[in-house]
Amino acid sequence: MGASRRSRELKDIERQEVLLALSVARAALIEARRNMRPRSGLSRSAEAVISEIDDFVYVLTGTTDHFHLKAHGTPARIGRKSD
């Protein structure tokens, strides 16, 4: 038998390239799904692939909301201290 193959960790640059490619693919699937009948087999298939992308990104990043918009806001104010 041959030597067992072990998965290796992705380098940070490779991880960023993979995340970018997955982001583009996910966005394209979401856009395509907008033009599909909601309960069609094609729409369900697109949703399944989007879900698989989200699962894979979770493995890579450890977060379930990597592709979701982050809320923005203003930083908390630091109150003035009275002398």
N, C-alpha and C. Protein backbone atom coordinates (compact mmCIF):
# COMPACT_ATOMS: atom_id res chain seq x y z
N MET A 1 0.84 -1.20 0.00
CA MET A 1 0.00 0.00 0.00
C MET A 1 0.87 1.24 0.00
N GLY A 2 0.37 2.26 -0.62
CA GLY A 2 1.10 3.51 -0.68
C GLY A 2 1.00 4.27 0.63
N ALA A 3 1.78 5.29 0.72
CA ALA A 3 1.75 6.13 1.92
C ALA A 3 0.40 6.82 2.02
N SER A 4 -0.09 6.94 3.23
CA SER A 4 -1.39 7.60 3.41
C SER A 4 -1.26 9.08 3.12
N ARG A 5 -2.28 9.60 2.49
CA ARG A 5 -2.28 11.03 2.17
C ARG A 5 -2.94 11.78 3.31
N ARG A 6 -2.29 12.76 3.78
CA ARG A 6 -2.86 13.61 4.83
C ARG A 6 -3.18 14.96 4.24
N SER A 7 -4.28 15.50 4.69
CA SER A 7 -4.61 16.83 4.20
C SER A 7 -3.67 17.82 4.87
N ARG A 8 -3.27 18.79 4.14
CA ARG A 8 -2.40 19.81 4.70
C ARG A 8 -3.20 21.08 4.88
N GLU A 9 -2.76 21.86 5.79
CA GLU A 9 -3.43 23.14 6.03
C GLU A 9 -3.17 24.09 4.86
N LEU A 10 -4.16 24.89 4.55
CA LEU A 10 -3.98 25.90 3.52
C LEU A 10 -3.16 27.05 4.08
N LYS A 11 -2.26 27.55 3.28
CA LYS A 11 -1.52 28.75 3.67
C LYS A 11 -2.49 29.91 3.62
N ASP A 12 -2.16 30.97 4.34
CA ASP A 12 -3.06 32.12 4.39
C ASP A 12 -3.37 32.67 3.00
N ILE A 13 -2.37 32.73 2.12
CA ILE A 13 -2.61 33.27 0.78
C ILE A 13 -3.53 32.35 0.00
N GLU A 14 -3.34 31.04 0.13
CA GLU A 14 -4.21 30.09 -0.55
C GLU A 14 -5.62 30.17 0.01
N ARG A 15 -5.73 30.31 1.32
CA ARG A 15 -7.03 30.40 1.96
C ARG A 15 -7.79 31.62 1.44
N GLN A 16 -7.11 32.75 1.29
CA GLN A 16 -7.75 33.96 0.79
C GLN A 16 -8.21 33.78 -0.66
N GLU A 17 -7.40 33.10 -1.46
CA GLU A 17 -7.77 32.84 -2.86
C GLU A 17 -9.00 31.94 -2.93
N VAL A 18 -9.04 30.92 -2.09
CA VAL A 18 -10.18 29.99 -2.06
C VAL A 18 -11.43 30.73 -1.60
N LEU A 19 -11.30 31.54 -0.56
CA LEU A 19 -12.45 32.29 -0.06
C LEU A 19 -12.98 33.27 -1.11
N LEU A 20 -12.07 33.89 -1.85
CA LEU A 20 -12.49 34.82 -2.90
C LEU A 20 -13.26 34.07 -4.00
N ALA A 21 -12.73 32.94 -4.42
CA ALA A 21 -13.39 32.15 -5.46
C ALA A 21 -14.76 31.67 -4.99
N LEU A 22 -14.85 31.23 -3.74
CA LEU A 22 -16.13 30.77 -3.20
C LEU A 22 -17.12 31.93 -3.10
N SER A 23 -16.61 33.10 -2.75
CA SER A 23 -17.47 34.28 -2.65
C SER A 23 -18.08 34.62 -4.01
N VAL A 24 -17.25 34.57 -5.05
CA VAL A 24 -17.72 34.87 -6.40
C VAL A 24 -18.75 33.83 -6.84
N ALA A 25 -18.46 32.56 -6.60
CA ALA A 25 -19.38 31.49 -6.98
C ALA A 25 -20.70 31.61 -6.23
N ARG A 26 -20.62 31.90 -4.94
CA ARG A 26 -21.83 32.03 -4.11
C ARG A 26 -22.69 33.19 -4.60
N ALA A 27 -22.06 34.32 -4.89
CA ALA A 27 -22.80 35.48 -5.37
C ALA A 27 -23.46 35.18 -6.72
N ALA A 28 -22.76 34.48 -7.60
CA ALA A 28 -23.32 34.13 -8.91
C ALA A 28 -24.53 33.21 -8.74
N LEU A 29 -24.45 32.26 -7.83
CA LEU A 29 -25.57 31.35 -7.59
C LEU A 29 -26.78 32.09 -7.02
N ILE A 30 -26.53 33.01 -6.12
CA ILE A 30 -27.62 33.79 -5.53
C ILE A 30 -28.30 34.63 -6.60
N GLU A 31 -27.49 35.25 -7.47
CA GLU A 31 -28.05 36.06 -8.55
C GLU A 31 -28.84 35.20 -9.53
N ALA A 32 -28.30 34.05 -9.89
CA ALA A 32 -28.99 33.14 -10.82
C ALA A 32 -30.30 32.64 -10.23
N ARG A 33 -30.29 32.37 -8.94
CA ARG A 33 -31.49 31.84 -8.27
C ARG A 33 -32.64 32.84 -8.29
N ARG A 34 -32.32 34.12 -8.38
CA ARG A 34 -33.38 35.15 -8.42
C ARG A 34 -34.26 35.01 -9.65
N ASN A 35 -33.71 34.43 -10.71
CA ASN A 35 -34.47 34.27 -11.96
C ASN A 35 -35.09 32.89 -12.11
N MET A 36 -35.00 32.08 -11.08
CA MET A 36 -35.54 30.72 -11.15
C MET A 36 -36.87 30.65 -10.41
N ARG A 37 -37.69 29.69 -10.82
CA ARG A 37 -38.91 29.43 -10.05
C ARG A 37 -38.48 28.97 -8.66
N PRO A 38 -39.11 29.51 -7.62
CA PRO A 38 -38.66 29.23 -6.26
C PRO A 38 -38.57 27.76 -5.86
N ARG A 39 -39.48 26.94 -6.32
CA ARG A 39 -39.49 25.54 -5.87
C ARG A 39 -39.01 24.58 -6.95
N SER A 40 -38.36 25.11 -7.96
CA SER A 40 -37.89 24.24 -9.03
C SER A 40 -36.68 23.43 -8.57
N GLY A 41 -36.43 22.35 -9.27
CA GLY A 41 -35.27 21.52 -8.95
C GLY A 41 -33.97 22.29 -9.09
N LEU A 42 -33.91 23.15 -10.09
CA LEU A 42 -32.71 23.95 -10.31
C LEU A 42 -32.48 24.92 -9.15
N SER A 43 -33.54 25.55 -8.68
CA SER A 43 -33.43 26.46 -7.55
C SER A 43 -33.00 25.72 -6.29
N ARG A 44 -33.57 24.56 -6.06
CA ARG A 44 -33.18 23.77 -4.88
C ARG A 44 -31.72 23.31 -4.99
N SER A 45 -31.30 22.99 -6.19
CA SER A 45 -29.90 22.58 -6.39
C SER A 45 -28.95 23.74 -6.12
N ALA A 46 -29.31 24.92 -6.60
CA ALA A 46 -28.48 26.10 -6.35
C ALA A 46 -28.40 26.37 -4.85
N GLU A 47 -29.52 26.25 -4.16
CA GLU A 47 -29.54 26.45 -2.71
C GLU A 47 -28.66 25.42 -2.00
N ALA A 48 -28.66 24.19 -2.47
CA ALA A 48 -27.82 23.15 -1.87
C ALA A 48 -26.34 23.47 -2.05
N VAL A 49 -25.97 23.97 -3.23
CA VAL A 49 -24.56 24.33 -3.46
C VAL A 49 -24.16 25.52 -2.59
N ILE A 50 -25.04 26.50 -2.46
CA ILE A 50 -24.77 27.64 -1.58
C ILE A 50 -24.55 27.16 -0.16
N SER A 51 -25.38 26.24 0.29
CA SER A 51 -25.25 25.68 1.64
C SER A 51 -23.92 24.95 1.81
N GLU A 52 -23.52 24.20 0.79
CA GLU A 52 -22.24 23.49 0.85
C GLU A 52 -21.07 24.47 0.89
N ILE A 53 -21.18 25.55 0.13
CA ILE A 53 -20.14 26.59 0.18
C ILE A 53 -20.05 27.16 1.58
N ASP A 54 -21.19 27.47 2.18
CA ASP A 54 -21.21 28.01 3.54
C ASP A 54 -20.58 27.03 4.53
N ASP A 55 -20.87 25.75 4.38
CA ASP A 55 -20.28 24.73 5.26
C ASP A 55 -18.76 24.67 5.10
N PHE A 56 -18.30 24.72 3.86
CA PHE A 56 -16.86 24.67 3.60
C PHE A 56 -16.16 25.90 4.15
N VAL A 57 -16.79 27.06 3.99
CA VAL A 57 -16.21 28.30 4.52
C VAL A 57 -16.16 28.25 6.05
N TYR A 58 -17.14 27.63 6.65
CA TYR A 58 -17.11 27.46 8.11
C TYR A 58 -15.88 26.65 8.52
N VAL A 59 -15.58 25.60 7.78
CA VAL A 59 -14.39 24.79 8.09
C VAL A 59 -13.13 25.63 7.94
N LEU A 60 -13.08 26.48 6.92
CA LEU A 60 -11.90 27.29 6.68
C LEU A 60 -11.74 28.43 7.68
N THR A 61 -12.85 29.05 8.07
CA THR A 61 -12.77 30.27 8.88
C THR A 61 -13.20 30.10 10.33
N GLY A 62 -14.02 29.09 10.59
CA GLY A 62 -14.53 28.91 11.95
C GLY A 62 -15.71 29.82 12.25
N THR A 63 -16.23 30.50 11.25
CA THR A 63 -17.37 31.38 11.46
C THR A 63 -18.47 31.05 10.46
N THR A 64 -19.69 31.16 10.91
CA THR A 64 -20.82 30.83 10.04
C THR A 64 -21.31 32.02 9.23
N ASP A 65 -20.80 33.20 9.52
CA ASP A 65 -21.31 34.40 8.85
C ASP A 65 -20.25 35.13 8.03
N HIS A 66 -19.29 34.39 7.51
CA HIS A 66 -18.19 35.02 6.78
C HIS A 66 -18.69 35.85 5.59
N PHE A 67 -19.68 35.37 4.86
CA PHE A 67 -20.17 36.07 3.68
C PHE A 67 -21.31 37.04 3.98
N HIS A 68 -21.75 37.10 5.20
CA HIS A 68 -22.87 37.97 5.54
C HIS A 68 -22.36 39.39 5.80
N LEU A 69 -23.20 40.35 5.52
CA LEU A 69 -22.82 41.74 5.73
C LEU A 69 -22.58 41.99 7.21
N LYS A 70 -21.53 42.69 7.47
CA LYS A 70 -21.23 43.07 8.85
C LYS A 70 -21.89 44.42 9.13
N ALA A 71 -22.47 44.52 10.29
CA ALA A 71 -23.10 45.78 10.67
C ALA A 71 -22.02 46.82 10.90
N HIS A 72 -22.31 48.04 10.48
CA HIS A 72 -21.35 49.08 10.79
C HIS A 72 -22.01 50.08 11.70
N GLY A 73 -21.20 50.72 12.42
CA GLY A 73 -21.70 51.70 13.36
C GLY A 73 -20.56 52.61 13.77
N THR A 74 -20.88 53.49 14.65
CA THR A 74 -19.84 54.39 15.14
C THR A 74 -19.24 53.80 16.40
N PRO A 75 -17.99 54.08 16.63
CA PRO A 75 -17.37 53.57 17.86
C PRO A 75 -18.02 54.21 19.09
N ALA A 76 -17.95 53.49 20.16
CA ALA A 76 -18.53 54.01 21.41
C ALA A 76 -17.82 55.29 21.82
N ARG A 77 -18.60 56.20 22.36
CA ARG A 77 -18.01 57.46 22.84
C ARG A 77 -17.33 57.24 24.17
N ILE A 78 -16.27 57.95 24.33
CA ILE A 78 -15.58 57.94 25.61
C ILE A 78 -15.99 59.23 26.31
N GLY A 79 -16.66 59.07 27.41
CA GLY A 79 -17.17 60.24 28.11
C GLY A 79 -16.04 61.08 28.69
N ARG A 80 -16.30 62.37 28.81
CA ARG A 80 -15.32 63.26 29.44
C ARG A 80 -15.36 63.09 30.93
N LYS A 81 -14.19 63.07 31.48
CA LYS A 81 -14.12 62.98 32.94
C LYS A 81 -14.07 64.38 33.50
N SER A 82 -14.83 64.60 34.52
CA SER A 82 -14.79 65.93 35.14
C SER A 82 -13.58 66.00 36.06
N ASP A 83 -12.93 67.15 36.04
CA ASP A 83 -11.73 67.31 36.86
C ASP A 83 -12.06 67.71 38.25
